N, C-alpha and C. Protein backbone atom coordinates (compact mmCIF):
# COMPACT_ATOMS: atom_id res chain seq x y z
N UNK A 1 153.06 73.19 111.91
CA UNK A 1 154.05 73.92 111.58
C UNK A 1 154.88 73.02 111.58
N UNK A 2 156.18 72.75 110.80
CA UNK A 2 157.27 72.04 110.80
C UNK A 2 158.46 73.50 111.94
N UNK A 3 158.92 72.19 112.56
CA UNK A 3 160.11 73.12 113.28
C UNK A 3 161.27 72.64 112.81
N UNK A 4 162.40 73.37 112.81
CA UNK A 4 163.58 73.09 112.22
C UNK A 4 164.17 71.77 112.96
N UNK A 5 164.96 70.85 112.33
CA UNK A 5 165.93 69.88 112.87
C UNK A 5 164.51 68.63 113.59
N UNK A 6 163.27 69.29 113.18
CA UNK A 6 161.94 68.13 113.16
C UNK A 6 162.07 66.64 112.47
N UNK A 7 162.57 65.66 113.33
CA UNK A 7 162.80 64.40 112.62
C UNK A 7 160.71 63.73 112.42
N UNK A 8 160.55 63.07 111.17
CA UNK A 8 159.04 63.22 110.61
C UNK A 8 159.39 61.15 110.97
N UNK A 9 158.24 60.92 111.53
CA UNK A 9 158.98 59.09 111.86
C UNK A 9 157.57 58.98 110.43
N UNK A 10 158.21 57.92 109.68
CA UNK A 10 157.38 57.18 109.02
C UNK A 10 156.48 55.72 109.23
N UNK A 11 155.65 54.85 108.93
CA UNK A 11 155.64 53.99 108.97
C UNK A 11 154.95 52.84 107.78
N UNK A 12 155.56 51.55 108.29
CA UNK A 12 155.73 50.97 107.18
C UNK A 12 153.69 50.82 106.50
N UNK A 13 154.07 50.19 105.06
CA UNK A 13 153.29 50.12 104.72
C UNK A 13 152.02 49.08 105.26
N UNK A 14 152.86 48.21 106.21
CA UNK A 14 151.86 47.00 106.35
C UNK A 14 151.82 47.84 107.56
N UNK A 15 151.71 48.21 108.08
CA UNK A 15 151.46 48.42 109.43
C UNK A 15 149.96 49.25 109.27
N UNK A 16 150.39 50.27 108.08
CA UNK A 16 149.24 51.51 107.74
C UNK A 16 147.79 50.39 107.19
N UNK A 17 148.18 49.26 106.76
CA UNK A 17 146.95 48.03 106.00
C UNK A 17 146.05 47.53 107.58
N UNK A 18 147.08 47.35 108.55
CA UNK A 18 146.76 46.58 109.40
C UNK A 18 145.94 47.33 110.05
N UNK A 19 145.83 48.82 110.45
CA UNK A 19 145.48 49.72 111.31
C UNK A 19 144.24 50.10 110.15
N UNK A 20 144.20 49.95 108.92
CA UNK A 20 142.74 50.29 108.41
C UNK A 20 141.99 49.41 108.24
N UNK A 21 142.66 47.69 108.12
CA UNK A 21 142.01 46.77 108.38
C UNK A 21 141.25 46.30 109.42
N UNK A 22 141.48 46.81 110.96
CA UNK A 22 141.28 46.66 112.73
C UNK A 22 140.24 47.84 112.22
N UNK A 23 140.08 49.15 111.56
CA UNK A 23 139.16 49.82 111.72
C UNK A 23 137.74 49.85 111.35
N UNK A 24 137.87 49.38 109.89
CA UNK A 24 137.13 48.68 108.82
C UNK A 24 136.38 47.52 109.47
N UNK A 25 137.28 46.69 109.92
CA UNK A 25 136.22 44.80 109.89
C UNK A 25 136.61 44.90 111.20
N UNK A 26 137.44 45.50 112.00
CA UNK A 26 137.44 45.04 113.45
C UNK A 26 136.55 46.46 114.31
N UNK A 27 136.23 47.27 113.58
CA UNK A 27 135.77 48.50 114.06
C UNK A 27 136.53 49.08 115.13
N UNK A 28 137.58 49.23 115.60
CA UNK A 28 138.32 49.66 116.18
C UNK A 28 138.06 51.26 115.84
N UNK A 29 138.29 51.68 117.15
CA UNK A 29 138.61 53.80 116.88
C UNK A 29 139.61 53.89 116.57
N UNK A 30 139.74 55.41 116.46
CA UNK A 30 141.31 55.47 116.28
C UNK A 30 141.96 55.57 116.96
N UNK A 31 141.26 55.70 118.19
CA UNK A 31 142.30 56.27 119.91
C UNK A 31 142.76 54.63 120.20
N UNK A 32 142.24 53.53 119.78
CA UNK A 32 142.45 52.39 120.46
C UNK A 32 143.27 51.49 119.18
N UNK A 33 143.59 51.67 117.60
CA UNK A 33 144.45 51.75 116.97
C UNK A 33 145.64 52.44 117.55
N UNK A 34 146.13 53.82 117.51
CA UNK A 34 146.93 54.66 117.67
C UNK A 34 147.88 53.80 119.51
N UNK A 35 147.68 53.23 120.08
CA UNK A 35 148.03 52.62 121.26
C UNK A 35 148.82 51.80 120.90
N UNK A 36 147.81 50.85 120.15
CA UNK A 36 149.14 49.46 120.37
C UNK A 36 150.41 49.84 119.42
N UNK A 37 150.37 50.68 118.35
CA UNK A 37 151.06 50.61 117.04
C UNK A 37 151.90 51.48 117.47
N UNK A 38 152.24 52.50 118.66
CA UNK A 38 152.46 53.40 119.23
C UNK A 38 152.53 54.54 118.19
N UNK A 39 151.85 54.83 117.18
CA UNK A 39 150.85 56.05 116.71
C UNK A 39 151.18 57.22 117.12
N UNK A 40 151.53 58.68 116.61
CA UNK A 40 151.46 59.59 118.01
C UNK A 40 150.40 60.23 117.65
N UNK A 41 149.20 60.34 116.94
CA UNK A 41 148.20 61.04 117.07
C UNK A 41 147.25 59.78 116.24
N UNK A 42 145.87 60.91 116.59
CA UNK A 42 144.91 59.47 115.27
C UNK A 42 144.23 60.12 114.27
N UNK A 43 144.76 61.31 114.25
CA UNK A 43 144.30 62.68 112.64
C UNK A 43 145.49 61.99 112.33
N UNK A 44 146.88 60.89 112.44
CA UNK A 44 147.17 60.35 111.08
C UNK A 44 146.59 58.76 110.75
N UNK A 45 146.19 58.33 111.25
CA UNK A 45 145.36 57.58 111.03
C UNK A 45 144.23 57.50 109.96
N UNK A 46 143.47 58.62 110.95
CA UNK A 46 142.43 59.37 109.19
C UNK A 46 143.14 59.70 108.21
N UNK A 47 144.13 60.66 108.35
CA UNK A 47 144.12 60.86 106.84
C UNK A 47 144.82 59.49 105.94
N UNK A 48 145.12 58.35 106.76
CA UNK A 48 145.81 56.89 106.51
C UNK A 48 144.03 56.20 105.62
N UNK A 49 143.30 57.09 106.57
CA UNK A 49 141.95 56.19 106.00
C UNK A 49 141.46 57.03 104.82
N UNK A 50 141.47 57.80 104.70
CA UNK A 50 141.09 59.36 103.33
C UNK A 50 141.85 58.82 102.21
N UNK A 51 143.19 58.44 102.58
CA UNK A 51 144.21 57.74 101.50
C UNK A 51 143.50 56.81 100.90
N UNK A 52 143.88 55.34 101.53
CA UNK A 52 142.70 54.42 101.45
C UNK A 52 141.34 54.61 100.37
N UNK A 53 140.54 55.50 101.17
CA UNK A 53 139.37 55.35 100.54
C UNK A 53 139.00 56.02 99.24
N UNK A 54 140.57 56.94 98.84
CA UNK A 54 140.46 57.39 97.50
C UNK A 54 141.50 56.08 96.45
N UNK A 55 142.42 56.44 96.92
CA UNK A 55 143.11 55.99 96.18
C UNK A 55 143.47 54.06 95.81
N UNK A 56 142.94 53.44 97.43
CA UNK A 56 143.18 51.87 97.41
C UNK A 56 144.56 51.97 97.81
N UNK A 57 144.53 50.47 97.95
CA UNK A 57 146.70 50.40 98.70
C UNK A 57 147.56 51.02 97.79
N UNK A 58 147.24 51.74 96.36
CA UNK A 58 148.23 52.70 95.86
C UNK A 58 148.73 53.79 96.28
N UNK A 59 147.84 53.88 97.95
CA UNK A 59 147.77 55.57 97.88
C UNK A 59 149.22 54.62 99.04
N UNK A 60 149.70 54.16 99.62
CA UNK A 60 150.54 53.79 100.50
C UNK A 60 151.44 53.49 99.41
N UNK A 61 152.14 53.48 98.53
CA UNK A 61 153.45 53.32 97.96
C UNK A 61 153.94 54.58 97.71
N UNK A 62 155.68 54.24 97.38
CA UNK A 62 156.15 56.01 97.31
C UNK A 62 155.77 56.88 96.16
N UNK A 63 155.59 57.47 96.86
CA UNK A 63 154.23 58.86 95.71
C UNK A 63 156.02 58.84 95.21
N UNK A 64 156.99 59.14 95.22
CA UNK A 64 157.92 59.91 94.36
C UNK A 64 158.30 59.31 93.20
N UNK A 65 156.99 59.91 91.61
CA UNK A 65 157.79 59.73 90.29
C UNK A 65 157.30 58.15 90.53
N UNK A 66 156.63 57.32 91.46
CA UNK A 66 156.96 56.08 90.36
C UNK A 66 154.85 55.56 90.57
N UNK A 67 154.40 56.05 91.51
CA UNK A 67 152.58 55.82 91.28
C UNK A 67 151.84 55.67 90.12
N UNK A 68 152.30 56.83 88.97
CA UNK A 68 151.64 56.32 88.11
C UNK A 68 152.12 55.65 87.01
N UNK A 69 153.35 54.67 87.30
CA UNK A 69 153.26 53.34 86.66
C UNK A 69 152.71 52.23 87.73
N UNK A 70 152.51 52.41 88.42
CA UNK A 70 151.24 51.41 89.09
C UNK A 70 150.52 51.95 88.92
N UNK A 71 149.87 52.32 88.40
CA UNK A 71 147.94 53.05 88.09
C UNK A 71 147.99 53.39 87.03
N UNK A 72 148.86 53.15 85.76
CA UNK A 72 149.09 53.57 84.65
C UNK A 72 149.62 52.41 83.93
N UNK A 73 149.40 51.12 84.19
CA UNK A 73 150.13 49.93 83.11
C UNK A 73 149.10 49.77 82.09
N UNK A 74 147.93 50.07 82.18
CA UNK A 74 147.71 49.72 81.09
C UNK A 74 147.98 50.45 80.03
N UNK A 75 147.83 51.96 80.61
CA UNK A 75 148.20 52.61 79.11
C UNK A 75 149.69 52.68 78.99
N UNK A 76 150.74 52.11 79.92
CA UNK A 76 152.00 51.88 79.42
C UNK A 76 152.09 50.74 78.41
N UNK A 77 151.32 49.51 78.83
CA UNK A 77 151.11 48.54 77.86
C UNK A 77 151.31 48.73 76.29
N UNK A 78 150.00 49.28 76.50
CA UNK A 78 148.93 49.76 74.93
C UNK A 78 150.29 51.28 74.10
N UNK A 79 150.92 51.55 74.57
CA UNK A 79 152.05 52.28 74.13
C UNK A 79 153.34 51.77 73.97
N UNK A 80 153.38 50.85 74.18
CA UNK A 80 154.98 49.35 73.88
C UNK A 80 153.69 48.69 73.01
N UNK A 81 152.56 48.59 72.77
CA UNK A 81 152.11 47.99 72.21
C UNK A 81 152.33 48.40 70.50
N UNK A 82 151.88 50.24 70.89
CA UNK A 82 151.67 51.09 69.62
C UNK A 82 152.84 50.94 69.05
N UNK A 83 154.03 51.47 70.11
CA UNK A 83 156.21 50.89 69.53
C UNK A 83 156.78 49.96 69.12
N UNK A 84 156.03 48.12 69.23
CA UNK A 84 156.34 47.62 68.75
C UNK A 84 155.18 47.19 67.05
N UNK A 85 154.30 48.19 67.08
CA UNK A 85 153.34 47.90 65.38
C UNK A 85 154.11 48.91 64.95
N UNK A 86 154.73 49.36 65.51
CA UNK A 86 155.37 50.92 64.28
C UNK A 86 156.54 50.44 63.88
N UNK A 87 157.55 49.44 65.07
CA UNK A 87 158.69 49.05 64.63
C UNK A 87 158.48 47.58 63.71
N UNK A 88 157.86 46.89 63.69
CA UNK A 88 157.61 46.37 62.86
C UNK A 88 156.92 46.63 61.73
N UNK A 89 156.11 47.78 61.45
CA UNK A 89 156.10 48.16 59.93
C UNK A 89 157.33 48.85 59.87
N UNK A 90 157.96 49.50 60.40
CA UNK A 90 159.46 49.91 59.43
C UNK A 90 160.66 48.94 58.76
N UNK A 91 160.18 47.64 59.77
CA UNK A 91 161.43 46.12 59.73
C UNK A 91 160.96 45.90 58.64
N UNK A 92 159.71 45.70 58.07
CA UNK A 92 158.79 45.27 56.70
C UNK A 92 159.47 46.11 55.93
N UNK A 93 159.30 47.47 55.87
CA UNK A 93 159.97 49.05 54.62
C UNK A 93 161.34 48.26 54.94
N UNK A 94 161.70 48.11 55.42
CA UNK A 94 163.59 48.29 55.25
C UNK A 94 164.05 46.78 54.29
N UNK A 95 163.36 45.42 54.85
CA UNK A 95 163.13 44.24 54.55
C UNK A 95 162.90 44.37 52.87
N UNK A 96 161.77 45.27 52.31
CA UNK A 96 161.19 45.45 51.12
C UNK A 96 162.55 45.93 50.56
N UNK A 97 163.41 47.05 50.83
CA UNK A 97 164.37 47.87 50.24
C UNK A 97 165.31 46.73 49.95
N UNK A 98 166.26 45.93 50.94
CA UNK A 98 167.25 45.50 50.94
C UNK A 98 166.88 44.42 49.76
N UNK A 99 165.52 43.15 49.99
CA UNK A 99 165.50 42.45 48.68
C UNK A 99 165.03 43.51 47.04
N UNK A 100 165.25 44.58 47.31
CA UNK A 100 164.87 45.34 45.96
C UNK A 100 166.52 45.91 45.07
N UNK A 101 166.92 45.63 46.10
CA UNK A 101 168.99 46.05 45.98
C UNK A 101 169.31 44.66 45.12
């Protein structure tokens, strides 16, 4: 449980990816990873591994209302295409009305 006034330490994405690489490729233990990087506990590295296995590199992106834009890019592109198609139809109807006058 958090203590009032407690400061949380954040680690850069590059450090997290390097720790994961060392664990997967070099077969380092969590304890071996925590010492050179100055990570406070091995549980944190375990959480990074779980996040990486579940979401890949996207799991380490800032999750404050931006993550969906990275994961759902295809949906966003499809939405823009639908809007573009609708605007083209509206433009054609408007041009027909202008020409008929």
